[in-house]
Amino acid sequence: MFRIAGLMLVLVSALPFAASAQGAGTKFGAIIGGATLSDMDNLPAVSDSRWGGTAGALVGVNAGRTALTLEGTWVQKGGGNTRLDYIEFPLTLGGVVVMGNGAARGRLYSGFSVAFKVSCSTDVLFCDSAKSTEWGLPIGLQLAKVTPAGSFFGIDVRYTIALSDAFEVVQTRNRPWAFRVMFGKQLGT
């Protein structure tokens, strides 16, 4: 699994597509939010999927054929009747492709994330044993429509590969998908 994620990161950063018409060094920001679909591995009692939410903000910079982003988001994970809420900070790098004569952008990305637990509810495990920090490897795709004024709106689909267990007492990891919409604009203009 880690080999595939590493290969995707190398391929994404080497994509030979032209960067956006906004050019290298252009900064942008967005609000982002939507739904999560998560389950947990290695523990049948929490292997059922559960829907949750996610909301936050991102800032980024175009860097040639790539874009670098940093997010701050609230995200719900877990599985079955186990719900874990986190504040998550993903740092991602991804290849950008311009589509539709510059009116749209696509971005395939990956990176690293750290999440800090803010709440827990479960009827199967003890919340006191939930780890306070979770590390992950997000892999996703963004598609956005860009307006002439420099604002944009789009969709983001992401899967995060957990690099750490969610609980101290049992080896189980979150397996969340995020389905989000984003609204943003170019900064500093």
C-alpha atoms as a PDB file:
ATOM      1  CA  MET A   1       0.000   0.000   0.000  1.00  0.00           C
ATOM      2  CA  PHE A   2       2.814   2.408   0.876  1.00  0.00           C
ATOM      3  CA  ARG A   3       4.590   1.557  -2.396  1.00  0.00           C
ATOM      4  CA  ILE A   4       1.495   2.524  -4.383  1.00  0.00           C
ATOM      5  CA  ALA A   5       1.098   5.789  -2.469  1.00  0.00           C
ATOM      6  CA  GLY A   6       4.805   6.629  -2.942  1.00  0.00           C
ATOM      7  CA  LEU A   7       4.609   5.852  -6.653  1.00  0.00           C
ATOM      8  CA  MET A   8       1.515   8.062  -7.009  1.00  0.00           C
ATOM      9  CA  LEU A   9       3.301  10.938  -5.255  1.00  0.00           C
ATOM     10  CA  VAL A  10       6.283  10.656  -7.616  1.00  0.00           C
ATOM     11  CA  LEU A  11       4.045  10.440 -10.692  1.00  0.00           C
ATOM     12  CA  VAL A  12       1.889  13.357  -9.618  1.00  0.00           C
ATOM     13  CA  SER A  13       4.847  15.646  -9.022  1.00  0.00           C
ATOM     14  CA  ALA A  14       6.330  14.728 -12.410  1.00  0.00           C
ATOM     15  CA  LEU A  15       3.222  15.311 -14.539  1.00  0.00           C
ATOM     16  CA  PRO A  16       4.180  17.247 -17.672  1.00  0.00           C
ATOM     17  CA  PHE A  17       1.093  19.423 -17.771  1.00  0.00           C
ATOM     18  CA  ALA A  18       1.112  23.188 -18.014  1.00  0.00           C
ATOM     19  CA  ALA A  19       0.336  24.980 -14.787  1.00  0.00           C
ATOM     20  CA  SER A  20      -2.581  27.323 -14.490  1.00  0.00           C
ATOM     21  CA  ALA A  21      -2.832  30.641 -16.234  1.00  0.00           C
ATOM     22  CA  GLN A  22      -2.528  32.135 -12.766  1.00  0.00           C
ATOM     23  CA  GLY A  23       1.157  31.259 -12.892  1.00  0.00           C
ATOM     24  CA  ALA A  24       3.766  30.049 -10.449  1.00  0.00           C
ATOM     25  CA  GLY A  25       3.717  31.783  -7.103  1.00  0.00           C
ATOM     26  CA  THR A  26       0.003  32.629  -7.192  1.00  0.00           C
ATOM     27  CA  LYS A  27      -1.557  32.146  -3.758  1.00  0.00           C
ATOM     28  CA  PHE A  28      -5.134  31.012  -3.151  1.00  0.00           C
ATOM     29  CA  GLY A  29      -7.470  30.218  -0.277  1.00  0.00           C
ATOM     30  CA  ALA A  30     -10.753  28.329   0.065  1.00  0.00           C
ATOM     31  CA  ILE A  31     -13.390  27.079   2.430  1.00  0.00           C
ATOM     32  CA  ILE A  32     -14.027  23.374   2.060  1.00  0.00           C
ATOM     33  CA  GLY A  33     -16.552  20.954   3.504  1.00  0.00           C
ATOM     34  CA  GLY A  34     -18.788  17.984   2.926  1.00  0.00           C
ATOM     35  CA  ALA A  35     -19.313  14.393   4.009  1.00  0.00           C
ATOM     36  CA  THR A  36     -17.071  11.556   5.147  1.00  0.00           C
ATOM     37  CA  LEU A  37     -17.620   7.828   4.829  1.00  0.00           C
ATOM     38  CA  SER A  38     -15.405   5.909   7.227  1.00  0.00           C
ATOM     39  CA  ASP A  39     -14.874   2.483   8.722  1.00  0.00           C
ATOM     40  CA  MET A  40     -12.155   0.862  10.826  1.00  0.00           C
ATOM     41  CA  ASP A  41     -10.063  -2.204  10.022  1.00  0.00           C
ATOM     42  CA  ASN A  42      -9.156  -5.280  12.129  1.00  0.00           C
ATOM     43  CA  LEU A  43     -12.130  -5.005  14.498  1.00  0.00           C
ATOM     44  CA  PRO A  44     -15.478  -6.485  13.363  1.00  0.00           C
ATOM     45  CA  ALA A  45     -17.463  -4.491  15.948  1.00  0.00           C
ATOM     46  CA  VAL A  46     -16.521  -1.196  14.237  1.00  0.00           C
ATOM     47  CA  SER A  47     -16.102  -2.361  10.635  1.00  0.00           C
ATOM     48  CA  ASP A  48     -19.486  -1.021   9.500  1.00  0.00           C
ATOM     49  CA  SER A  49     -19.274   2.252   7.595  1.00  0.00           C
ATOM     50  CA  ARG A  50     -20.527   5.454   9.140  1.00  0.00           C
ATOM     51  CA  TRP A  51     -21.280   8.811   7.546  1.00  0.00           C
ATOM     52  CA  GLY A  52     -19.877  11.964   9.110  1.00  0.00           C
ATOM     53  CA  GLY A  53     -18.937  15.503   8.236  1.00  0.00           C
ATOM     54  CA  THR A  54     -15.925  17.645   7.475  1.00  0.00           C
ATOM     55  CA  ALA A  55     -15.383  21.416   7.224  1.00  0.00           C
ATOM     56  CA  GLY A  56     -12.433  23.765   7.168  1.00  0.00           C
ATOM     57  CA  ALA A  57     -10.180  26.008   5.138  1.00  0.00           C
ATOM     58  CA  LEU A  58      -7.165  25.643   2.899  1.00  0.00           C
ATOM     59  CA  VAL A  59      -4.430  27.902   1.615  1.00  0.00           C
ATOM     60  CA  GLY A  60      -2.115  27.110  -1.237  1.00  0.00           C
ATOM     61  CA  VAL A  61       0.380  28.278  -3.789  1.00  0.00           C
ATOM     62  CA  ASN A  62       0.856  27.337  -7.416  1.00  0.00           C
ATOM     63  CA  ALA A  63       4.407  26.172  -8.036  1.00  0.00           C
ATOM     64  CA  GLY A  64       4.912  25.601 -11.747  1.00  0.00           C
ATOM     65  CA  ARG A  65       3.108  22.404 -12.764  1.00  0.00           C
ATOM     66  CA  THR A  66       2.119  21.687  -9.166  1.00  0.00           C
ATOM     67  CA  ALA A  67       0.195  23.206  -6.304  1.00  0.00           C
ATOM     68  CA  LEU A  68       1.055  22.972  -2.611  1.00  0.00           C
ATOM     69  CA  THR A  69      -1.771  23.246  -0.048  1.00  0.00           C
ATOM     70  CA  LEU A  70      -2.135  23.310   3.722  1.00  0.00           C
ATOM     71  CA  GLU A  71      -5.537  22.653   5.280  1.00  0.00           C
ATOM     72  CA  GLY A  72      -7.065  22.986   8.694  1.00  0.00           C
ATOM     73  CA  THR A  73     -10.235  20.885   8.928  1.00  0.00           C
ATOM     74  CA  TRP A  74     -12.602  19.281  11.382  1.00  0.00           C
ATOM     75  CA  VAL A  75     -13.279  15.698  10.270  1.00  0.00           C
ATOM     76  CA  GLN A  76     -15.354  12.802  11.623  1.00  0.00           C
ATOM     77  CA  LYS A  77     -13.940   9.289  11.376  1.00  0.00           C
ATOM     78  CA  GLY A  78     -14.615   5.928  12.990  1.00  0.00           C
ATOM     79  CA  GLY A  79     -16.890   3.041  12.124  1.00  0.00           C
ATOM     80  CA  GLY A  80     -20.172   1.534  13.264  1.00  0.00           C
ATOM     81  CA  ASN A  81     -21.163   3.190  16.551  1.00  0.00           C
ATOM     82  CA  THR A  82     -17.644   4.525  17.151  1.00  0.00           C
ATOM     83  CA  ARG A  83     -17.253   8.193  16.258  1.00  0.00           C
ATOM     84  CA  LEU A  84     -13.936  10.032  16.468  1.00  0.00           C
ATOM     85  CA  ASP A  85     -13.737  13.768  15.738  1.00  0.00           C
ATOM     86  CA  TYR A  86     -10.392  15.293  14.798  1.00  0.00           C
ATOM     87  CA  ILE A  87      -8.830  18.604  13.834  1.00  0.00           C
ATOM     88  CA  GLU A  88      -6.654  17.601  10.893  1.00  0.00           C
ATOM     89  CA  PHE A  89      -3.810  19.388   9.104  1.00  0.00           C
ATOM     90  CA  PRO A  90      -2.983  17.870   5.693  1.00  0.00           C
ATOM     91  CA  LEU A  91      -0.030  19.205   3.694  1.00  0.00           C
ATOM     92  CA  THR A  92      -0.392  18.116   0.073  1.00  0.00           C
ATOM     93  CA  LEU A  93       1.454  18.474  -3.218  1.00  0.00           C
ATOM     94  CA  GLY A  94      -0.155  17.669  -6.531  1.00  0.00           C
ATOM     95  CA  GLY A  95       0.110  18.014 -10.285  1.00  0.00           C
ATOM     96  CA  VAL A  96      -2.173  20.604 -11.880  1.00  0.00           C
ATOM     97  CA  VAL A  97      -3.678  20.278 -15.342  1.00  0.00           C
ATOM     98  CA  VAL A  98      -5.492  23.162 -17.047  1.00  0.00           C
ATOM     99  CA  MET A  99      -8.667  22.217 -18.911  1.00  0.00           C
ATOM    100  CA  GLY A 100     -11.273  24.056 -20.975  1.00  0.00           C
ATOM    101  CA  ASN A 101      -9.006  26.863 -22.240  1.00  0.00           C
ATOM    102  CA  GLY A 102      -8.029  27.776 -18.684  1.00  0.00           C
ATOM    103  CA  ALA A 103     -11.544  27.814 -17.232  1.00  0.00           C
ATOM    104  CA  ALA A 104     -11.077  24.623 -15.218  1.00  0.00           C
ATOM    105  CA  ARG A 105      -8.346  22.866 -13.266  1.00  0.00           C
ATOM    106  CA  GLY A 106      -7.720  19.303 -12.215  1.00  0.00           C
ATOM    107  CA  ARG A 107      -5.328  18.290  -9.455  1.00  0.00           C
ATOM    108  CA  LEU A 108      -4.205  14.814  -8.395  1.00  0.00           C
ATOM    109  CA  TYR A 109      -2.453  15.065  -5.032  1.00  0.00           C
ATOM    110  CA  SER A 110      -0.952  13.303  -2.060  1.00  0.00           C
ATOM    111  CA  GLY A 111       0.914  14.303   1.064  1.00  0.00           C
ATOM    112  CA  PHE A 112       0.953  13.812   4.814  1.00  0.00           C
ATOM    113  CA  SER A 113      -1.549  14.709   7.513  1.00  0.00           C
ATOM    114  CA  VAL A 114      -1.586  14.928  11.269  1.00  0.00           C
ATOM    115  CA  ALA A 115      -4.887  14.893  13.169  1.00  0.00           C
ATOM    116  CA  PHE A 116      -5.595  15.695  16.797  1.00  0.00           C
ATOM    117  CA  LYS A 117      -8.553  13.994  18.508  1.00  0.00           C
ATOM    118  CA  VAL A 118     -11.123  16.424  19.898  1.00  0.00           C
ATOM    119  CA  SER A 119     -13.916  13.998  20.847  1.00  0.00           C
ATOM    120  CA  CYS A 120     -14.859  10.334  20.942  1.00  0.00           C
ATOM    121  CA  SER A 121     -18.053   8.356  21.416  1.00  0.00           C
ATOM    122  CA  THR A 122     -18.272   4.570  21.329  1.00  0.00           C
ATOM    123  CA  ASP A 123     -20.195   1.706  22.845  1.00  0.00           C
ATOM    124  CA  VAL A 124     -17.559  -0.888  21.909  1.00  0.00           C
ATOM    125  CA  LEU A 125     -14.191   0.543  22.991  1.00  0.00           C
ATOM    126  CA  PHE A 126     -13.043   2.902  25.736  1.00  0.00           C
ATOM    127  CA  CYS A 127     -12.619   6.494  24.566  1.00  0.00           C
ATOM    128  CA  ASP A 128      -9.814   6.933  27.102  1.00  0.00           C
ATOM    129  CA  SER A 129      -7.755   4.540  24.966  1.00  0.00           C
ATOM    130  CA  ALA A 130      -8.270   6.532  21.744  1.00  0.00           C
ATOM    131  CA  LYS A 131      -4.951   7.970  20.630  1.00  0.00           C
ATOM    132  CA  SER A 132      -4.725  11.746  20.722  1.00  0.00           C
ATOM    133  CA  THR A 133      -2.776  11.970  17.435  1.00  0.00           C
ATOM    134  CA  GLU A 134      -3.298  10.235  14.106  1.00  0.00           C
ATOM    135  CA  TRP A 135      -0.936  10.320  11.108  1.00  0.00           C
ATOM    136  CA  GLY A 136      -2.132   9.769   7.561  1.00  0.00           C
ATOM    137  CA  LEU A 137      -1.342   9.752   3.860  1.00  0.00           C
ATOM    138  CA  PRO A 138      -4.105  11.565   1.943  1.00  0.00           C
ATOM    139  CA  ILE A 139      -4.573  10.796  -1.763  1.00  0.00           C
ATOM    140  CA  GLY A 140      -7.141  12.775  -3.711  1.00  0.00           C
ATOM    141  CA  LEU A 141      -8.515  14.447  -6.814  1.00  0.00           C
ATOM    142  CA  GLN A 142      -9.800  18.000  -7.132  1.00  0.00           C
ATOM    143  CA  LEU A 143     -11.752  19.459 -10.055  1.00  0.00           C
ATOM    144  CA  ALA A 144     -12.501  23.182 -10.079  1.00  0.00           C
ATOM    145  CA  LYS A 145     -14.124  25.803 -12.289  1.00  0.00           C
ATOM    146  CA  VAL A 146     -12.241  29.112 -12.351  1.00  0.00           C
ATOM    147  CA  THR A 147     -13.981  32.449 -12.970  1.00  0.00           C
ATOM    148  CA  PRO A 148     -12.361  35.406 -14.780  1.00  0.00           C
ATOM    149  CA  ALA A 149     -12.277  37.276 -11.436  1.00  0.00           C
ATOM    150  CA  GLY A 150      -9.941  34.626  -9.968  1.00  0.00           C
ATOM    151  CA  SER A 151     -12.469  32.857  -7.751  1.00  0.00           C
ATOM    152  CA  PHE A 152     -13.176  29.138  -8.069  1.00  0.00           C
ATOM    153  CA  PHE A 153     -15.542  26.415  -6.968  1.00  0.00           C
ATOM    154  CA  GLY A 154     -15.125  22.685  -7.240  1.00  0.00           C
ATOM    155  CA  ILE A 155     -15.183  19.218  -5.786  1.00  0.00           C
ATOM    156  CA  ASP A 156     -12.598  17.211  -3.881  1.00  0.00           C
ATOM    157  CA  VAL A 157     -12.574  13.432  -3.323  1.00  0.00           C
ATOM    158  CA  ARG A 158      -9.963  12.033  -0.937  1.00  0.00           C
ATOM    159  CA  TYR A 159      -9.011   8.763   0.730  1.00  0.00           C
ATOM    160  CA  THR A 160      -6.616   8.848   3.678  1.00  0.00           C
ATOM    161  CA  ILE A 161      -4.375   5.872   4.395  1.00  0.00           C
ATOM    162  CA  ALA A 162      -3.890   5.721   8.161  1.00  0.00           C
ATOM    163  CA  LEU A 163      -0.260   5.513   9.230  1.00  0.00           C
ATOM    164  CA  SER A 164      -1.109   5.033  12.916  1.00  0.00           C
ATOM    165  CA  ASP A 165      -3.686   3.148  14.980  1.00  0.00           C
ATOM    166  CA  ALA A 166      -6.738   4.947  16.344  1.00  0.00           C
ATOM    167  CA  PHE A 167      -6.705   3.204  19.751  1.00  0.00           C
ATOM    168  CA  GLU A 168      -3.989   2.162  22.202  1.00  0.00           C
ATOM    169  CA  VAL A 169      -5.542  -1.169  23.207  1.00  0.00           C
ATOM    170  CA  VAL A 170      -6.402  -2.602  19.789  1.00  0.00           C
ATOM    171  CA  GLN A 171      -4.763  -2.373  16.390  1.00  0.00           C
ATOM    172  CA  THR A 172      -7.468  -0.690  14.336  1.00  0.00           C
ATOM    173  CA  ARG A 173      -7.113   2.166  11.878  1.00  0.00           C
ATOM    174  CA  ASN A 174      -9.537   4.679  10.433  1.00  0.00           C
ATOM    175  CA  ARG A 175     -10.257   4.311   6.714  1.00  0.00           C
ATOM    176  CA  PRO A 176     -12.017   7.554   5.730  1.00  0.00           C
ATOM    177  CA  TRP A 177     -13.211   8.838   2.380  1.00  0.00           C
ATOM    178  CA  ALA A 178     -14.061  12.556   2.125  1.00  0.00           C
ATOM    179  CA  PHE A 179     -16.451  14.012  -0.465  1.00  0.00           C
ATOM    180  CA  ARG A 180     -16.194  17.795  -0.345  1.00  0.00           C
ATOM    181  CA  VAL A 181     -17.058  20.996  -2.159  1.00  0.00           C
ATOM    182  CA  MET A 182     -14.787  24.028  -2.127  1.00  0.00           C
ATOM    183  CA  PHE A 183     -15.228  27.748  -2.754  1.00  0.00           C
ATOM    184  CA  GLY A 184     -12.187  29.963  -2.978  1.00  0.00           C
ATOM    185  CA  LYS A 185     -10.317  32.807  -4.576  1.00  0.00           C
ATOM    186  CA  GLN A 186      -6.897  34.001  -5.549  1.00  0.00           C
ATOM    187  CA  LEU A 187      -5.211  35.870  -2.678  1.00  0.00           C
ATOM    188  CA  GLY A 188      -3.225  39.077  -2.862  1.00  0.00           C
ATOM    189  CA  THR A 189      -4.908  40.604  -5.910  1.00  0.00           C
END
